[in-house]
Amino acid sequence: MTENSEPSEGRGGSPVSTALAVLRCFSVDEPLLGVTEIAARVGMHKSSASRVLATLESEDLVERDPASRRYRLGLGIIAMAGPLLADLDVRRAAIPVLRGLTERTGETSALLLWSGHEAVAVEQVPSPHQVKHTTPLGTRYATALSSSVQVFLAAMPAESARALVADGTVALSDADDAGLGAYAARLAEAAERGYAVNYGETAPDEVGVSAPVRDHRGEVVAAVLVSAPRFRISEAQLAGLGEECAGAAAEVTRRLGGNPSD
């Protein structure tokens, strides 16, 4: 290659790998990039980067921001990923994460889905301890103080969650106006913290913490639960357990194409 010649492709060698390298330049932190920035990152001349971007733009894989004239990912990316996102099973995405969560905490981890009025256990990795809490798959939870139920209700519009509790669909012993108000505040606190807690409130010898899993649309589609015997988890240890659970839920969210910060 002479000094004045320019490479037709980036570091990857082939047009396909070059195009992929260009697409991978974009991120949540840097959604908008100019041609010069992209060329520098991929390792190609600006004119070559412009040609690649023009091709990607013609396929709706990138688009120009009207104000800055910089590039961002286009809706064609979503169209391509649609079949995968539709087929991606949350259980399949969660299993390796649950295994890691149980290894780190030493306690049982589980995945729960929302049926519309109760949380249903669909996957579980038991604790290696001889004394542990496990849940048969298919077990349903419709008690307001269950940590998984709190996660799902906290994701709903406040009036919808209140209605489920007020009409008894989700059981709460103190369901008068004062009790409903206190419960609404508890749900808001759980949403702000990133995980919900049940410290012996539904079963005196059991502790549960749960965190929300979101899909690529930002909607809560599942809850990750860690359950343990109460004698093994002090109140001082709850925050650490909750953070581990929230971290695992965030990882499942990422595996589903979602953004944990949603």
C-alpha atoms as a PDB file:
ATOM      1  CA  MET A   1       0.000   0.000   0.000  1.00  0.00           C
ATOM      2  CA  THR A   2       1.412   3.424  -0.903  1.00  0.00           C
ATOM      3  CA  GLU A   3       1.533   6.356   1.469  1.00  0.00           C
ATOM      4  CA  ASN A   4      -1.417   8.087  -0.203  1.00  0.00           C
ATOM      5  CA  SER A   5      -3.621   5.027  -0.598  1.00  0.00           C
ATOM      6  CA  GLU A   6      -6.354   4.315   1.942  1.00  0.00           C
ATOM      7  CA  PRO A   7      -7.608   1.031   3.354  1.00  0.00           C
ATOM      8  CA  SER A   8     -10.971  -0.037   2.035  1.00  0.00           C
ATOM      9  CA  GLU A   9     -11.793  -1.832   5.276  1.00  0.00           C
ATOM     10  CA  GLY A  10     -11.133  -1.471   8.992  1.00  0.00           C
ATOM     11  CA  ARG A  11      -9.143  -3.638  11.320  1.00  0.00           C
ATOM     12  CA  GLY A  12     -11.426  -6.634  10.863  1.00  0.00           C
ATOM     13  CA  GLY A  13     -10.377  -7.225   7.265  1.00  0.00           C
ATOM     14  CA  SER A  14     -13.762  -7.896   5.628  1.00  0.00           C
ATOM     15  CA  PRO A  15     -16.599  -5.482   4.753  1.00  0.00           C
ATOM     16  CA  VAL A  16     -18.915  -7.321   7.148  1.00  0.00           C
ATOM     17  CA  SER A  17     -16.505  -7.115  10.078  1.00  0.00           C
ATOM     18  CA  THR A  18     -15.862  -3.449   9.294  1.00  0.00           C
ATOM     19  CA  ALA A  19     -19.579  -2.671   9.295  1.00  0.00           C
ATOM     20  CA  LEU A  20     -19.979  -4.508  12.601  1.00  0.00           C
ATOM     21  CA  ALA A  21     -17.071  -2.577  14.073  1.00  0.00           C
ATOM     22  CA  VAL A  22     -18.747   0.672  13.051  1.00  0.00           C
ATOM     23  CA  LEU A  23     -22.060  -0.358  14.653  1.00  0.00           C
ATOM     24  CA  ARG A  24     -20.303  -1.367  17.866  1.00  0.00           C
ATOM     25  CA  CYS A  25     -18.888   2.134  18.248  1.00  0.00           C
ATOM     26  CA  PHE A  26     -22.280   3.335  19.471  1.00  0.00           C
ATOM     27  CA  SER A  27     -23.208   2.857  23.120  1.00  0.00           C
ATOM     28  CA  VAL A  28     -25.697   4.022  25.723  1.00  0.00           C
ATOM     29  CA  ASP A  29     -23.137   6.549  26.940  1.00  0.00           C
ATOM     30  CA  GLU A  30     -22.280   7.706  23.420  1.00  0.00           C
ATOM     31  CA  PRO A  31     -25.360   7.320  21.211  1.00  0.00           C
ATOM     32  CA  LEU A  32     -24.281  10.064  18.772  1.00  0.00           C
ATOM     33  CA  LEU A  33     -20.959   9.943  16.912  1.00  0.00           C
ATOM     34  CA  GLY A  34     -19.435  11.849  14.025  1.00  0.00           C
ATOM     35  CA  VAL A  35     -17.650  10.352  11.039  1.00  0.00           C
ATOM     36  CA  THR A  36     -14.216  11.422  12.318  1.00  0.00           C
ATOM     37  CA  GLU A  37     -14.799   9.785  15.709  1.00  0.00           C
ATOM     38  CA  ILE A  38     -15.971   6.542  14.133  1.00  0.00           C
ATOM     39  CA  ALA A  39     -13.091   6.447  11.659  1.00  0.00           C
ATOM     40  CA  ALA A  40     -10.569   6.859  14.475  1.00  0.00           C
ATOM     41  CA  ARG A  41     -12.128   4.107  16.576  1.00  0.00           C
ATOM     42  CA  VAL A  42     -12.406   1.599  13.754  1.00  0.00           C
ATOM     43  CA  GLY A  43      -8.981   2.422  12.304  1.00  0.00           C
ATOM     44  CA  MET A  44      -9.902   3.635   8.827  1.00  0.00           C
ATOM     45  CA  HIS A  45      -9.809   6.814   6.771  1.00  0.00           C
ATOM     46  CA  LYS A  46     -12.679   9.245   7.101  1.00  0.00           C
ATOM     47  CA  SER A  47     -13.763   8.738   3.478  1.00  0.00           C
ATOM     48  CA  SER A  48     -13.984   4.954   3.998  1.00  0.00           C
ATOM     49  CA  ALA A  49     -15.979   5.440   7.173  1.00  0.00           C
ATOM     50  CA  SER A  50     -18.347   7.756   5.288  1.00  0.00           C
ATOM     51  CA  ARG A  51     -18.963   5.085   2.644  1.00  0.00           C
ATOM     52  CA  VAL A  52     -19.669   2.419   5.272  1.00  0.00           C
ATOM     53  CA  LEU A  53     -22.024   4.749   7.103  1.00  0.00           C
ATOM     54  CA  ALA A  54     -23.817   5.621   3.873  1.00  0.00           C
ATOM     55  CA  THR A  55     -24.425   1.928   3.220  1.00  0.00           C
ATOM     56  CA  LEU A  56     -25.653   1.350   6.771  1.00  0.00           C
ATOM     57  CA  GLU A  57     -27.904   4.405   6.513  1.00  0.00           C
ATOM     58  CA  SER A  58     -29.471   3.068   3.304  1.00  0.00           C
ATOM     59  CA  GLU A  59     -30.448  -0.065   5.261  1.00  0.00           C
ATOM     60  CA  ASP A  60     -31.807   1.983   8.217  1.00  0.00           C
ATOM     61  CA  LEU A  61     -29.119   0.564  10.499  1.00  0.00           C
ATOM     62  CA  VAL A  62     -27.884   4.066  11.293  1.00  0.00           C
ATOM     63  CA  GLU A  63     -29.492   7.462  10.888  1.00  0.00           C
ATOM     64  CA  ARG A  64     -28.451  11.105  11.066  1.00  0.00           C
ATOM     65  CA  ASP A  65     -29.455  13.305  13.944  1.00  0.00           C
ATOM     66  CA  PRO A  66     -31.185  16.298  12.288  1.00  0.00           C
ATOM     67  CA  ALA A  67     -29.656  18.850  14.664  1.00  0.00           C
ATOM     68  CA  SER A  68     -26.033  17.727  14.905  1.00  0.00           C
ATOM     69  CA  ARG A  69     -25.773  15.701  11.660  1.00  0.00           C
ATOM     70  CA  ARG A  70     -23.966  13.048  13.663  1.00  0.00           C
ATOM     71  CA  TYR A  71     -24.906   9.394  13.387  1.00  0.00           C
ATOM     72  CA  ARG A  72     -26.845   7.156  15.731  1.00  0.00           C
ATOM     73  CA  LEU A  73     -28.205   3.628  15.510  1.00  0.00           C
ATOM     74  CA  GLY A  74     -31.321   3.309  13.368  1.00  0.00           C
ATOM     75  CA  LEU A  75     -34.599   1.465  13.785  1.00  0.00           C
ATOM     76  CA  GLY A  76     -33.407  -1.199  11.364  1.00  0.00           C
ATOM     77  CA  ILE A  77     -31.359  -2.624  14.241  1.00  0.00           C
ATOM     78  CA  ILE A  78     -34.556  -3.290  16.172  1.00  0.00           C
ATOM     79  CA  ALA A  79     -36.179  -4.889  13.138  1.00  0.00           C
ATOM     80  CA  MET A  80     -33.232  -7.266  12.813  1.00  0.00           C
ATOM     81  CA  ALA A  81     -33.208  -8.103  16.521  1.00  0.00           C
ATOM     82  CA  GLY A  82     -36.978  -8.517  16.763  1.00  0.00           C
ATOM     83  CA  PRO A  83     -37.131 -12.278  16.092  1.00  0.00           C
ATOM     84  CA  LEU A  84     -34.408 -12.929  18.668  1.00  0.00           C
ATOM     85  CA  LEU A  85     -36.018 -10.698  21.282  1.00  0.00           C
ATOM     86  CA  ALA A  86     -39.376 -12.372  20.727  1.00  0.00           C
ATOM     87  CA  ASP A  87     -37.845 -15.838  21.063  1.00  0.00           C
ATOM     88  CA  LEU A  88     -35.534 -15.162  23.999  1.00  0.00           C
ATOM     89  CA  ASP A  89     -36.884 -17.043  26.996  1.00  0.00           C
ATOM     90  CA  VAL A  90     -36.433 -15.199  30.280  1.00  0.00           C
ATOM     91  CA  ARG A  91     -35.874 -18.523  32.021  1.00  0.00           C
ATOM     92  CA  ARG A  92     -33.066 -19.414  29.636  1.00  0.00           C
ATOM     93  CA  ALA A  93     -31.496 -16.005  30.193  1.00  0.00           C
ATOM     94  CA  ALA A  94     -31.822 -16.275  33.969  1.00  0.00           C
ATOM     95  CA  ILE A  95     -30.541 -19.788  34.725  1.00  0.00           C
ATOM     96  CA  PRO A  96     -26.783 -19.075  34.604  1.00  0.00           C
ATOM     97  CA  VAL A  97     -27.295 -15.863  36.548  1.00  0.00           C
ATOM     98  CA  LEU A  98     -29.274 -17.685  39.250  1.00  0.00           C
ATOM     99  CA  ARG A  99     -26.500 -20.263  39.560  1.00  0.00           C
ATOM    100  CA  GLY A 100     -23.968 -17.512  40.095  1.00  0.00           C
ATOM    101  CA  LEU A 101     -26.225 -15.787  42.619  1.00  0.00           C
ATOM    102  CA  THR A 102     -26.587 -18.972  44.669  1.00  0.00           C
ATOM    103  CA  GLU A 103     -22.830 -19.548  44.541  1.00  0.00           C
ATOM    104  CA  ARG A 104     -22.142 -16.036  45.826  1.00  0.00           C
ATOM    105  CA  THR A 105     -24.790 -15.922  48.553  1.00  0.00           C
ATOM    106  CA  GLY A 106     -25.008 -19.587  49.513  1.00  0.00           C
ATOM    107  CA  GLU A 107     -28.803 -19.245  49.470  1.00  0.00           C
ATOM    108  CA  THR A 108     -31.609 -20.416  47.208  1.00  0.00           C
ATOM    109  CA  SER A 109     -32.298 -18.207  44.195  1.00  0.00           C
ATOM    110  CA  ALA A 110     -35.406 -18.299  42.043  1.00  0.00           C
ATOM    111  CA  LEU A 111     -37.133 -16.624  39.116  1.00  0.00           C
ATOM    112  CA  LEU A 112     -40.788 -15.603  39.342  1.00  0.00           C
ATOM    113  CA  LEU A 113     -43.234 -14.367  36.721  1.00  0.00           C
ATOM    114  CA  TRP A 114     -46.439 -12.380  37.236  1.00  0.00           C
ATOM    115  CA  SER A 115     -49.701 -14.053  36.249  1.00  0.00           C
ATOM    116  CA  GLY A 116     -51.763 -10.888  36.518  1.00  0.00           C
ATOM    117  CA  HIS A 117     -52.640 -11.359  40.165  1.00  0.00           C
ATOM    118  CA  GLU A 118     -49.868 -13.493  41.711  1.00  0.00           C
ATOM    119  CA  ALA A 119     -46.167 -14.289  41.419  1.00  0.00           C
ATOM    120  CA  VAL A 120     -45.343 -17.766  40.099  1.00  0.00           C
ATOM    121  CA  ALA A 121     -42.030 -19.595  40.649  1.00  0.00           C
ATOM    122  CA  VAL A 122     -40.739 -20.877  37.288  1.00  0.00           C
ATOM    123  CA  GLU A 123     -37.058 -21.578  37.982  1.00  0.00           C
ATOM    124  CA  GLN A 124     -34.904 -22.265  41.031  1.00  0.00           C
ATOM    125  CA  VAL A 125     -31.326 -23.018  42.094  1.00  0.00           C
ATOM    126  CA  PRO A 126     -31.329 -24.522  45.611  1.00  0.00           C
ATOM    127  CA  SER A 127     -28.905 -23.516  48.343  1.00  0.00           C
ATOM    128  CA  PRO A 128     -26.061 -25.979  49.011  1.00  0.00           C
ATOM    129  CA  HIS A 129     -26.757 -25.747  52.761  1.00  0.00           C
ATOM    130  CA  GLN A 130     -28.487 -28.639  54.448  1.00  0.00           C
ATOM    131  CA  VAL A 131     -30.946 -26.221  56.051  1.00  0.00           C
ATOM    132  CA  LYS A 132     -32.458 -24.079  53.312  1.00  0.00           C
ATOM    133  CA  HIS A 133     -35.671 -22.705  51.882  1.00  0.00           C
ATOM    134  CA  THR A 134     -36.803 -24.063  48.537  1.00  0.00           C
ATOM    135  CA  THR A 135     -39.991 -23.590  46.562  1.00  0.00           C
ATOM    136  CA  PRO A 136     -41.612 -26.165  44.263  1.00  0.00           C
ATOM    137  CA  LEU A 137     -41.833 -24.836  40.724  1.00  0.00           C
ATOM    138  CA  GLY A 138     -45.311 -23.537  40.095  1.00  0.00           C
ATOM    139  CA  THR A 139     -45.740 -22.197  43.624  1.00  0.00           C
ATOM    140  CA  ARG A 140     -47.876 -19.070  43.616  1.00  0.00           C
ATOM    141  CA  TYR A 141     -47.576 -16.036  45.867  1.00  0.00           C
ATOM    142  CA  ALA A 142     -50.475 -13.645  46.350  1.00  0.00           C
ATOM    143  CA  THR A 143     -49.504 -12.106  49.684  1.00  0.00           C
ATOM    144  CA  ALA A 144     -48.765  -8.405  49.595  1.00  0.00           C
ATOM    145  CA  LEU A 145     -45.724  -8.695  51.858  1.00  0.00           C
ATOM    146  CA  SER A 146     -44.013 -11.350  49.725  1.00  0.00           C
ATOM    147  CA  SER A 147     -40.928  -9.682  48.306  1.00  0.00           C
ATOM    148  CA  SER A 148     -41.630 -10.877  44.755  1.00  0.00           C
ATOM    149  CA  VAL A 149     -45.202  -9.586  44.886  1.00  0.00           C
ATOM    150  CA  GLN A 150     -43.889  -6.236  46.081  1.00  0.00           C
ATOM    151  CA  VAL A 151     -41.605  -6.062  43.045  1.00  0.00           C
ATOM    152  CA  PHE A 152     -44.447  -6.607  40.584  1.00  0.00           C
ATOM    153  CA  LEU A 153     -46.859  -4.250  42.328  1.00  0.00           C
ATOM    154  CA  ALA A 154     -44.200  -1.550  42.604  1.00  0.00           C
ATOM    155  CA  ALA A 155     -43.864  -1.632  38.799  1.00  0.00           C
ATOM    156  CA  MET A 156     -47.582  -1.021  38.250  1.00  0.00           C
ATOM    157  CA  PRO A 157     -49.417   2.291  38.196  1.00  0.00           C
ATOM    158  CA  ALA A 158     -50.207   3.100  41.837  1.00  0.00           C
ATOM    159  CA  GLU A 159     -53.964   2.877  41.310  1.00  0.00           C
ATOM    160  CA  SER A 160     -53.690  -0.605  39.773  1.00  0.00           C
ATOM    161  CA  ALA A 161     -51.606  -1.932  42.650  1.00  0.00           C
ATOM    162  CA  ARG A 162     -53.955  -0.349  45.191  1.00  0.00           C
ATOM    163  CA  ALA A 163     -56.974  -1.949  43.512  1.00  0.00           C
ATOM    164  CA  LEU A 164     -55.450  -5.450  43.661  1.00  0.00           C
ATOM    165  CA  VAL A 165     -54.822  -5.067  47.382  1.00  0.00           C
ATOM    166  CA  ALA A 166     -58.060  -3.263  48.193  1.00  0.00           C
ATOM    167  CA  ASP A 167     -60.268  -5.944  46.616  1.00  0.00           C
ATOM    168  CA  GLY A 168     -58.363  -8.791  48.298  1.00  0.00           C
ATOM    169  CA  THR A 169     -56.820 -10.234  45.139  1.00  0.00           C
ATOM    170  CA  VAL A 170     -53.464  -9.664  46.835  1.00  0.00           C
ATOM    171  CA  ALA A 171     -53.821 -10.307  50.557  1.00  0.00           C
ATOM    172  CA  LEU A 172     -52.873  -7.606  53.052  1.00  0.00           C
ATOM    173  CA  SER A 173     -54.019  -7.893  56.651  1.00  0.00           C
ATOM    174  CA  ASP A 174     -54.330  -4.138  57.103  1.00  0.00           C
ATOM    175  CA  ALA A 175     -56.156  -3.038  53.943  1.00  0.00           C
ATOM    176  CA  ASP A 176     -57.915   0.065  55.250  1.00  0.00           C
ATOM    177  CA  ASP A 177     -56.978   3.513  53.943  1.00  0.00           C
ATOM    178  CA  ALA A 178     -54.114   3.921  56.397  1.00  0.00           C
ATOM    179  CA  GLY A 179     -52.781   0.439  55.650  1.00  0.00           C
ATOM    180  CA  LEU A 180     -53.027   0.962  51.897  1.00  0.00           C
ATOM    181  CA  GLY A 181     -51.212   4.272  52.216  1.00  0.00           C
ATOM    182  CA  ALA A 182     -48.398   2.695  54.233  1.00  0.00           C
ATOM    183  CA  TYR A 183     -48.141  -0.153  51.737  1.00  0.00           C
ATOM    184  CA  ALA A 184     -47.956   2.275  48.808  1.00  0.00           C
ATOM    185  CA  ALA A 185     -45.078   4.038  50.558  1.00  0.00           C
ATOM    186  CA  ARG A 186     -43.364   0.681  51.054  1.00  0.00           C
ATOM    187  CA  LEU A 187     -43.656  -0.114  47.344  1.00  0.00           C
ATOM    188  CA  ALA A 188     -42.218   3.276  46.431  1.00  0.00           C
ATOM    189  CA  GLU A 189     -39.304   2.696  48.800  1.00  0.00           C
ATOM    190  CA  ALA A 190     -38.630  -0.744  47.275  1.00  0.00           C
ATOM    191  CA  ALA A 191     -38.677   0.715  43.766  1.00  0.00           C
ATOM    192  CA  GLU A 192     -36.256   3.459  44.786  1.00  0.00           C
ATOM    193  CA  ARG A 193     -33.923   1.027  46.560  1.00  0.00           C
ATOM    194  CA  GLY A 194     -33.957  -1.490  43.701  1.00  0.00           C
ATOM    195  CA  TYR A 195     -35.152  -4.511  45.711  1.00  0.00           C
ATOM    196  CA  ALA A 196     -37.982  -5.504  48.057  1.00  0.00           C
ATOM    197  CA  VAL A 197     -37.638  -7.200  51.455  1.00  0.00           C
ATOM    198  CA  ASN A 198     -39.710  -9.716  53.393  1.00  0.00           C
ATOM    199  CA  TYR A 199     -38.000 -10.258  56.727  1.00  0.00           C
ATOM    200  CA  GLY A 200     -40.100 -12.968  58.348  1.00  0.00           C
ATOM    201  CA  GLU A 201     -43.364 -11.180  57.591  1.00  0.00           C
ATOM    202  CA  THR A 202     -45.098 -13.982  55.691  1.00  0.00           C
ATOM    203  CA  ALA A 203     -43.290 -16.855  57.425  1.00  0.00           C
ATOM    204  CA  PRO A 204     -41.458 -16.154  60.694  1.00  0.00           C
ATOM    205  CA  ASP A 205     -38.487 -18.369  59.875  1.00  0.00           C
ATOM    206  CA  GLU A 206     -37.859 -17.139  56.315  1.00  0.00           C
ATOM    207  CA  VAL A 207     -36.239 -14.111  54.692  1.00  0.00           C
ATOM    208  CA  GLY A 208     -36.800 -13.119  51.080  1.00  0.00           C
ATOM    209  CA  VAL A 209     -35.407 -10.340  48.906  1.00  0.00           C
ATOM    210  CA  SER A 210     -36.485  -9.753  45.307  1.00  0.00           C
ATOM    211  CA  ALA A 211     -35.465  -7.437  42.476  1.00  0.00           C
ATOM    212  CA  PRO A 212     -37.076  -6.622  39.118  1.00  0.00           C
ATOM    213  CA  VAL A 213     -36.027  -7.957  35.704  1.00  0.00           C
ATOM    214  CA  ARG A 214     -36.826  -5.722  32.728  1.00  0.00           C
ATOM    215  CA  ASP A 215     -37.059  -6.558  29.047  1.00  0.00           C
ATOM    216  CA  HIS A 216     -35.823  -4.524  26.074  1.00  0.00           C
ATOM    217  CA  ARG A 217     -38.883  -2.268  26.372  1.00  0.00           C
ATOM    218  CA  GLY A 218     -38.116  -1.395  29.986  1.00  0.00           C
ATOM    219  CA  GLU A 219     -41.074  -3.347  31.333  1.00  0.00           C
ATOM    220  CA  VAL A 220     -40.790  -5.536  34.443  1.00  0.00           C
ATOM    221  CA  VAL A 221     -41.232  -9.108  33.202  1.00  0.00           C
ATOM    222  CA  ALA A 222     -39.860 -11.159  36.103  1.00  0.00           C
ATOM    223  CA  ALA A 223     -38.428 -11.018  39.592  1.00  0.00           C
ATOM    224  CA  VAL A 224     -35.256 -12.589  40.942  1.00  0.00           C
ATOM    225  CA  LEU A 225     -35.701 -13.898  44.490  1.00  0.00           C
ATOM    226  CA  VAL A 226     -33.180 -14.930  47.125  1.00  0.00           C
ATOM    227  CA  SER A 227     -34.712 -16.838  50.043  1.00  0.00           C
ATOM    228  CA  ALA A 228     -32.953 -17.970  53.208  1.00  0.00           C
ATOM    229  CA  PRO A 229     -33.624 -19.187  56.746  1.00  0.00           C
ATOM    230  CA  ARG A 230     -34.039 -16.187  59.012  1.00  0.00           C
ATOM    231  CA  PHE A 231     -31.513 -17.464  61.562  1.00  0.00           C
ATOM    232  CA  ARG A 232     -28.784 -17.164  58.917  1.00  0.00           C
ATOM    233  CA  ILE A 233     -29.562 -13.594  57.785  1.00  0.00           C
ATOM    234  CA  SER A 234     -29.441 -10.747  60.276  1.00  0.00           C
ATOM    235  CA  GLU A 235     -31.149  -7.437  59.577  1.00  0.00           C
ATOM    236  CA  ALA A 236     -27.675  -5.933  59.138  1.00  0.00           C
ATOM    237  CA  GLN A 237     -27.021  -8.411  56.304  1.00  0.00           C
ATOM    238  CA  LEU A 238     -30.204  -7.601  54.395  1.00  0.00           C
ATOM    239  CA  ALA A 239     -28.710  -4.739  52.408  1.00  0.00           C
ATOM    240  CA  GLY A 240     -25.857  -6.894  51.140  1.00  0.00           C
ATOM    241  CA  LEU A 241     -28.241  -9.682  50.172  1.00  0.00           C
ATOM    242  CA  GLY A 242     -30.520  -7.193  48.459  1.00  0.00           C
ATOM    243  CA  GLU A 243     -27.665  -5.684  46.471  1.00  0.00           C
ATOM    244  CA  GLU A 244     -26.570  -9.143  45.305  1.00  0.00           C
ATOM    245  CA  CYS A 245     -30.143  -9.883  44.216  1.00  0.00           C
ATOM    246  CA  ALA A 246     -30.477  -6.531  42.440  1.00  0.00           C
ATOM    247  CA  GLY A 247     -27.162  -7.108  40.668  1.00  0.00           C
ATOM    248  CA  ALA A 248     -28.325 -10.506  39.434  1.00  0.00           C
ATOM    249  CA  ALA A 249     -31.641  -9.061  38.234  1.00  0.00           C
ATOM    250  CA  ALA A 250     -29.717  -6.351  36.378  1.00  0.00           C
ATOM    251  CA  GLU A 251     -27.614  -9.016  34.663  1.00  0.00           C
ATOM    252  CA  VAL A 252     -30.731 -10.901  33.517  1.00  0.00           C
ATOM    253  CA  THR A 253     -32.110  -7.577  32.289  1.00  0.00           C
ATOM    254  CA  ARG A 254     -28.979  -7.026  30.213  1.00  0.00           C
ATOM    255  CA  ARG A 255     -29.230 -10.544  28.798  1.00  0.00           C
ATOM    256  CA  LEU A 256     -32.760  -9.712  27.656  1.00  0.00           C
ATOM    257  CA  GLY A 257     -31.551  -6.575  25.899  1.00  0.00           C
ATOM    258  CA  GLY A 258     -32.840  -4.252  28.599  1.00  0.00           C
ATOM    259  CA  ASN A 259     -31.279  -1.348  30.458  1.00  0.00           C
ATOM    260  CA  PRO A 260     -31.011  -1.911  34.239  1.00  0.00           C
ATOM    261  CA  SER A 261     -31.078   1.842  34.860  1.00  0.00           C
ATOM    262  CA  ASP A 262     -34.675   1.945  33.601  1.00  0.00           C
END
